[in-house]
Amino acid sequence: MKTNELKELGAEELEAKIAEVRKELDDLKLKLASKVDVEKPVRIRLLRREVARMLTVLAAKKEAK
């Protein structure tokens, strides 16, 4: 999700999205640690960056209030 799209979301929607992406990230990390074949290991890095992007936007929203 792009930063512009994230800025349009409300704080509650953003927090829900963060939780959703973190769950997916945890699942991928668990598969990787369990030596199960992960289809796209690069997805872990992308999800980590996406969570960081969302947290940045969320912090800016809370600061603006």
C-alpha atoms as a PDB file:
ATOM      1  CA  MET A   1       0.000   0.000   0.000  1.00  0.00           C
ATOM      2  CA  LYS A   2       1.340   3.402  -0.941  1.00  0.00           C
ATOM      3  CA  THR A   3       1.897   6.209   1.533  1.00  0.00           C
ATOM      4  CA  ASN A   4      -0.785   8.375  -0.082  1.00  0.00           C
ATOM      5  CA  GLU A   5      -3.331   5.602   0.364  1.00  0.00           C
ATOM      6  CA  LEU A   6      -2.298   5.173   4.007  1.00  0.00           C
ATOM      7  CA  LYS A   7      -2.721   8.884   4.727  1.00  0.00           C
ATOM      8  CA  GLU A   8      -6.339   8.679   3.565  1.00  0.00           C
ATOM      9  CA  LEU A   9      -7.178   5.975   6.119  1.00  0.00           C
ATOM     10  CA  GLY A  10      -8.383   6.826   9.599  1.00  0.00           C
ATOM     11  CA  ALA A  11      -6.339   5.999  12.694  1.00  0.00           C
ATOM     12  CA  GLU A  12      -8.521   3.005  13.618  1.00  0.00           C
ATOM     13  CA  GLU A  13      -8.393   1.592  10.093  1.00  0.00           C
ATOM     14  CA  LEU A  14      -4.641   2.044  10.061  1.00  0.00           C
ATOM     15  CA  GLU A  15      -4.226   0.204  13.363  1.00  0.00           C
ATOM     16  CA  ALA A  16      -6.369  -2.669  12.059  1.00  0.00           C
ATOM     17  CA  LYS A  17      -4.272  -2.822   8.889  1.00  0.00           C
ATOM     18  CA  ILE A  18      -1.055  -2.859  10.946  1.00  0.00           C
ATOM     19  CA  ALA A  19      -2.357  -5.780  13.005  1.00  0.00           C
ATOM     20  CA  GLU A  20      -3.321  -7.661   9.842  1.00  0.00           C
ATOM     21  CA  VAL A  21       0.074  -7.172   8.197  1.00  0.00           C
ATOM     22  CA  ARG A  22       1.928  -8.059  11.411  1.00  0.00           C
ATOM     23  CA  LYS A  23      -0.016 -11.332  11.637  1.00  0.00           C
ATOM     24  CA  GLU A  24       0.951 -12.193   8.070  1.00  0.00           C
ATOM     25  CA  LEU A  25       4.560 -11.289   8.840  1.00  0.00           C
ATOM     26  CA  ASP A  26       4.568 -13.485  11.954  1.00  0.00           C
ATOM     27  CA  ASP A  27       3.158 -16.393   9.953  1.00  0.00           C
ATOM     28  CA  LEU A  28       5.877 -16.041   7.324  1.00  0.00           C
ATOM     29  CA  LYS A  29       8.607 -15.814   9.963  1.00  0.00           C
ATOM     30  CA  LEU A  30       7.251 -18.944  11.645  1.00  0.00           C
ATOM     31  CA  LYS A  31       7.278 -20.843   8.353  1.00  0.00           C
ATOM     32  CA  LEU A  32      10.822 -19.711   7.673  1.00  0.00           C
ATOM     33  CA  ALA A  33      11.995 -20.738  11.152  1.00  0.00           C
ATOM     34  CA  SER A  34      10.248 -24.107  10.813  1.00  0.00           C
ATOM     35  CA  LYS A  35      12.216 -24.821   7.627  1.00  0.00           C
ATOM     36  CA  VAL A  36       8.955 -24.952   5.674  1.00  0.00           C
ATOM     37  CA  ASP A  37       9.355 -23.806   2.098  1.00  0.00           C
ATOM     38  CA  VAL A  38       8.294 -20.169   1.856  1.00  0.00           C
ATOM     39  CA  GLU A  39       7.144 -19.212  -1.634  1.00  0.00           C
ATOM     40  CA  LYS A  40       8.419 -15.639  -1.534  1.00  0.00           C
ATOM     41  CA  PRO A  41      10.971 -14.986   1.216  1.00  0.00           C
ATOM     42  CA  VAL A  42      11.338 -11.423  -0.074  1.00  0.00           C
ATOM     43  CA  ARG A  43       7.766 -10.827   1.123  1.00  0.00           C
ATOM     44  CA  ILE A  44       9.089 -10.738   4.728  1.00  0.00           C
ATOM     45  CA  ARG A  45      11.218  -7.700   3.964  1.00  0.00           C
ATOM     46  CA  LEU A  46       8.384  -6.001   2.097  1.00  0.00           C
ATOM     47  CA  LEU A  47       5.939  -6.564   4.960  1.00  0.00           C
ATOM     48  CA  ARG A  48       8.432  -5.231   7.506  1.00  0.00           C
ATOM     49  CA  ARG A  49       8.807  -2.065   5.469  1.00  0.00           C
ATOM     50  CA  GLU A  50       5.058  -1.758   5.037  1.00  0.00           C
ATOM     51  CA  VAL A  51       4.514  -1.966   8.803  1.00  0.00           C
ATOM     52  CA  ALA A  52       7.169   0.713   9.347  1.00  0.00           C
ATOM     53  CA  ARG A  53       5.495   2.933   6.749  1.00  0.00           C
ATOM     54  CA  MET A  54       2.108   2.493   8.437  1.00  0.00           C
ATOM     55  CA  LEU A  55       3.531   3.238  11.882  1.00  0.00           C
ATOM     56  CA  THR A  56       5.144   6.408  10.543  1.00  0.00           C
ATOM     57  CA  VAL A  57       1.859   7.634   9.071  1.00  0.00           C
ATOM     58  CA  LEU A  58       0.010   6.711  12.271  1.00  0.00           C
ATOM     59  CA  ALA A  59       2.493   8.607  14.428  1.00  0.00           C
ATOM     60  CA  ALA A  60       2.144  11.667  12.196  1.00  0.00           C
ATOM     61  CA  LYS A  61      -1.651  11.502  12.494  1.00  0.00           C
ATOM     62  CA  LYS A  62      -1.512  11.257  16.293  1.00  0.00           C
ATOM     63  CA  GLU A  63       1.006  14.095  16.474  1.00  0.00           C
ATOM     64  CA  ALA A  64      -1.218  16.317  14.327  1.00  0.00           C
ATOM     65  CA  LYS A  65      -4.119  15.972  16.744  1.00  0.00           C
END
